[in-house]
Protein backbone atom coordinates (compact mmCIF):
# COMPACT_ATOMS: atom_id res chain seq x y z
CA UNK A 1 0.00 0.00 0.00
CA UNK A 2 2.81 2.41 0.83
CA UNK A 3 4.51 1.61 -2.46
CA UNK A 4 1.33 2.43 -4.35
CA UNK A 5 0.90 5.65 -2.38
CA UNK A 6 4.49 6.65 -3.03
CA UNK A 7 3.96 5.95 -6.72
CA UNK A 8 0.78 8.06 -6.71
CA UNK A 9 2.48 10.89 -4.86
CA UNK A 10 5.34 10.71 -7.37
CA UNK A 11 3.14 10.71 -10.46
CA UNK A 12 0.44 13.11 -9.22
CA UNK A 13 2.26 16.34 -10.23
CA UNK A 14 2.42 15.10 -13.83
CA UNK A 15 -1.26 14.16 -13.77
CA UNK A 16 -2.16 17.54 -12.27
CA UNK A 17 -0.22 19.40 -14.97
CA UNK A 18 -1.98 17.39 -17.70
CA UNK A 19 -5.38 18.07 -16.14
CA UNK A 20 -4.66 21.78 -15.83
CA UNK A 21 -3.45 21.97 -19.44
CA UNK A 22 -6.54 20.10 -20.65
CA UNK A 23 -8.77 22.48 -18.70
CA UNK A 24 -7.00 25.55 -20.07
CA UNK A 25 -7.17 24.08 -23.57
CA UNK A 26 -10.89 23.39 -23.21
CA UNK A 27 -11.60 26.94 -22.08
CA UNK A 28 -9.40 28.35 -24.86
CA UNK A 29 -11.38 26.24 -27.35
CA UNK A 30 -14.65 27.57 -25.91
CA UNK A 31 -13.30 31.13 -25.92
CA UNK A 32 -12.62 30.83 -29.66
CA UNK A 33 -15.62 28.79 -30.78
CA UNK A 34 -18.35 29.76 -28.27
CA UNK A 35 -17.50 33.19 -26.82
CA UNK A 36 -21.03 33.63 -25.42
CA UNK A 37 -20.30 30.88 -22.91
CA UNK A 38 -16.99 32.13 -21.50
CA UNK A 39 -16.32 35.71 -22.62
CA UNK A 40 -18.28 38.29 -20.62
CA UNK A 41 -16.82 41.17 -22.67
CA UNK A 42 -18.22 39.60 -25.85
CA UNK A 43 -21.65 39.19 -24.26
CA UNK A 44 -21.58 42.79 -23.06
CA UNK A 45 -20.62 44.00 -26.52
CA UNK A 46 -23.47 41.99 -28.05
CA UNK A 47 -25.93 43.42 -25.51
CA UNK A 48 -24.78 47.02 -26.11
CA UNK A 49 -24.97 46.58 -29.87
CA UNK A 50 -28.43 45.04 -29.55
CA UNK A 51 -27.44 42.03 -31.64
CA UNK A 52 -27.96 39.41 -28.93
CA UNK A 53 -31.07 37.35 -29.60
CA UNK A 54 -33.73 37.66 -26.85
CA UNK A 55 -33.94 33.87 -26.58
CA UNK A 56 -30.19 33.76 -25.95
CA UNK A 57 -30.55 36.46 -23.32
CA UNK A 58 -33.20 34.41 -21.54
CA UNK A 59 -31.07 31.28 -21.76
CA UNK A 60 -28.03 33.06 -20.34
CA UNK A 61 -30.14 34.56 -17.55
CA UNK A 62 -31.52 31.12 -16.64
CA UNK A 63 -28.18 29.33 -16.82
CA UNK A 64 -26.08 31.79 -14.81
CA UNK A 65 -27.53 30.80 -11.41
CA UNK A 66 -27.26 27.11 -12.26
CA UNK A 67 -23.66 27.60 -13.29
CA UNK A 68 -22.84 29.39 -10.06
CA UNK A 69 -24.46 26.62 -8.00
CA UNK A 70 -22.59 23.98 -9.99
CA UNK A 71 -19.27 25.72 -9.40
CA UNK A 72 -20.07 25.88 -5.68
CA UNK A 73 -20.89 22.16 -5.52
CA UNK A 74 -17.73 21.31 -7.43
CA UNK A 75 -15.67 23.44 -5.06
CA UNK A 76 -17.16 21.63 -2.08
CA UNK A 77 -16.44 18.25 -3.68
CA UNK A 78 -12.85 19.34 -4.36
CA UNK A 79 -12.39 20.41 -0.76
CA UNK A 80 -13.78 17.08 0.44
CA UNK A 81 -11.43 15.14 -1.83
CA UNK A 82 -8.43 17.12 -0.59
CA UNK A 83 -9.54 16.61 3.00
CA UNK A 84 -9.86 12.86 2.51
CA UNK A 85 -6.42 12.83 0.91
CA UNK A 86 -4.90 14.64 3.85
CA UNK A 87 -6.57 12.23 6.31
CA UNK A 88 -5.21 9.29 4.36
CA UNK A 89 -1.75 10.85 4.15
CA UNK A 90 -1.71 11.44 7.91
CA UNK A 91 -2.70 7.82 8.54
CA UNK A 92 0.04 6.55 6.27
CA UNK A 93 2.64 8.78 7.84
CA UNK A 94 1.59 7.41 11.22
CA UNK A 95 2.14 3.88 9.94
CA UNK A 96 5.59 4.80 8.65
CA UNK A 97 6.53 6.43 11.96
CA UNK A 98 5.23 3.44 13.90
CA UNK A 99 7.27 1.06 11.79
CA UNK A 100 10.39 3.18 12.20
CA UNK A 101 9.95 3.19 16.00
CA UNK A 102 9.53 -0.61 16.03
CA UNK A 103 12.71 -1.04 13.99
CA UNK A 104 14.65 1.23 16.36
CA UNK A 105 13.36 -0.70 19.39
CA UNK A 106 14.41 -4.04 17.85
CA UNK A 107 17.95 -2.81 17.17
CA UNK A 108 18.48 -1.85 20.84
């Protein structure tokens, strides 16, 4: 179990970088192809010019609260995952320390 955890701890930075790059790439793709979804300046310009379809305005107005709630739920889930990881890490470190103390006691 410790070997697997060490392997995960070793490889996690690479996984995190890949996930971050994929997320940035996804938002860049949306920024280019669907600016109404991710570019508030574009939406504001469309509203000021009067070229934004009323149906799109209604859709954006309905989706904004849902999006905010979704982001909040995802943030809570992320915090819970990190918390569980820290609890698990603390438990494993306790096992390592316990084993080290047992080895020291046997040598004496």
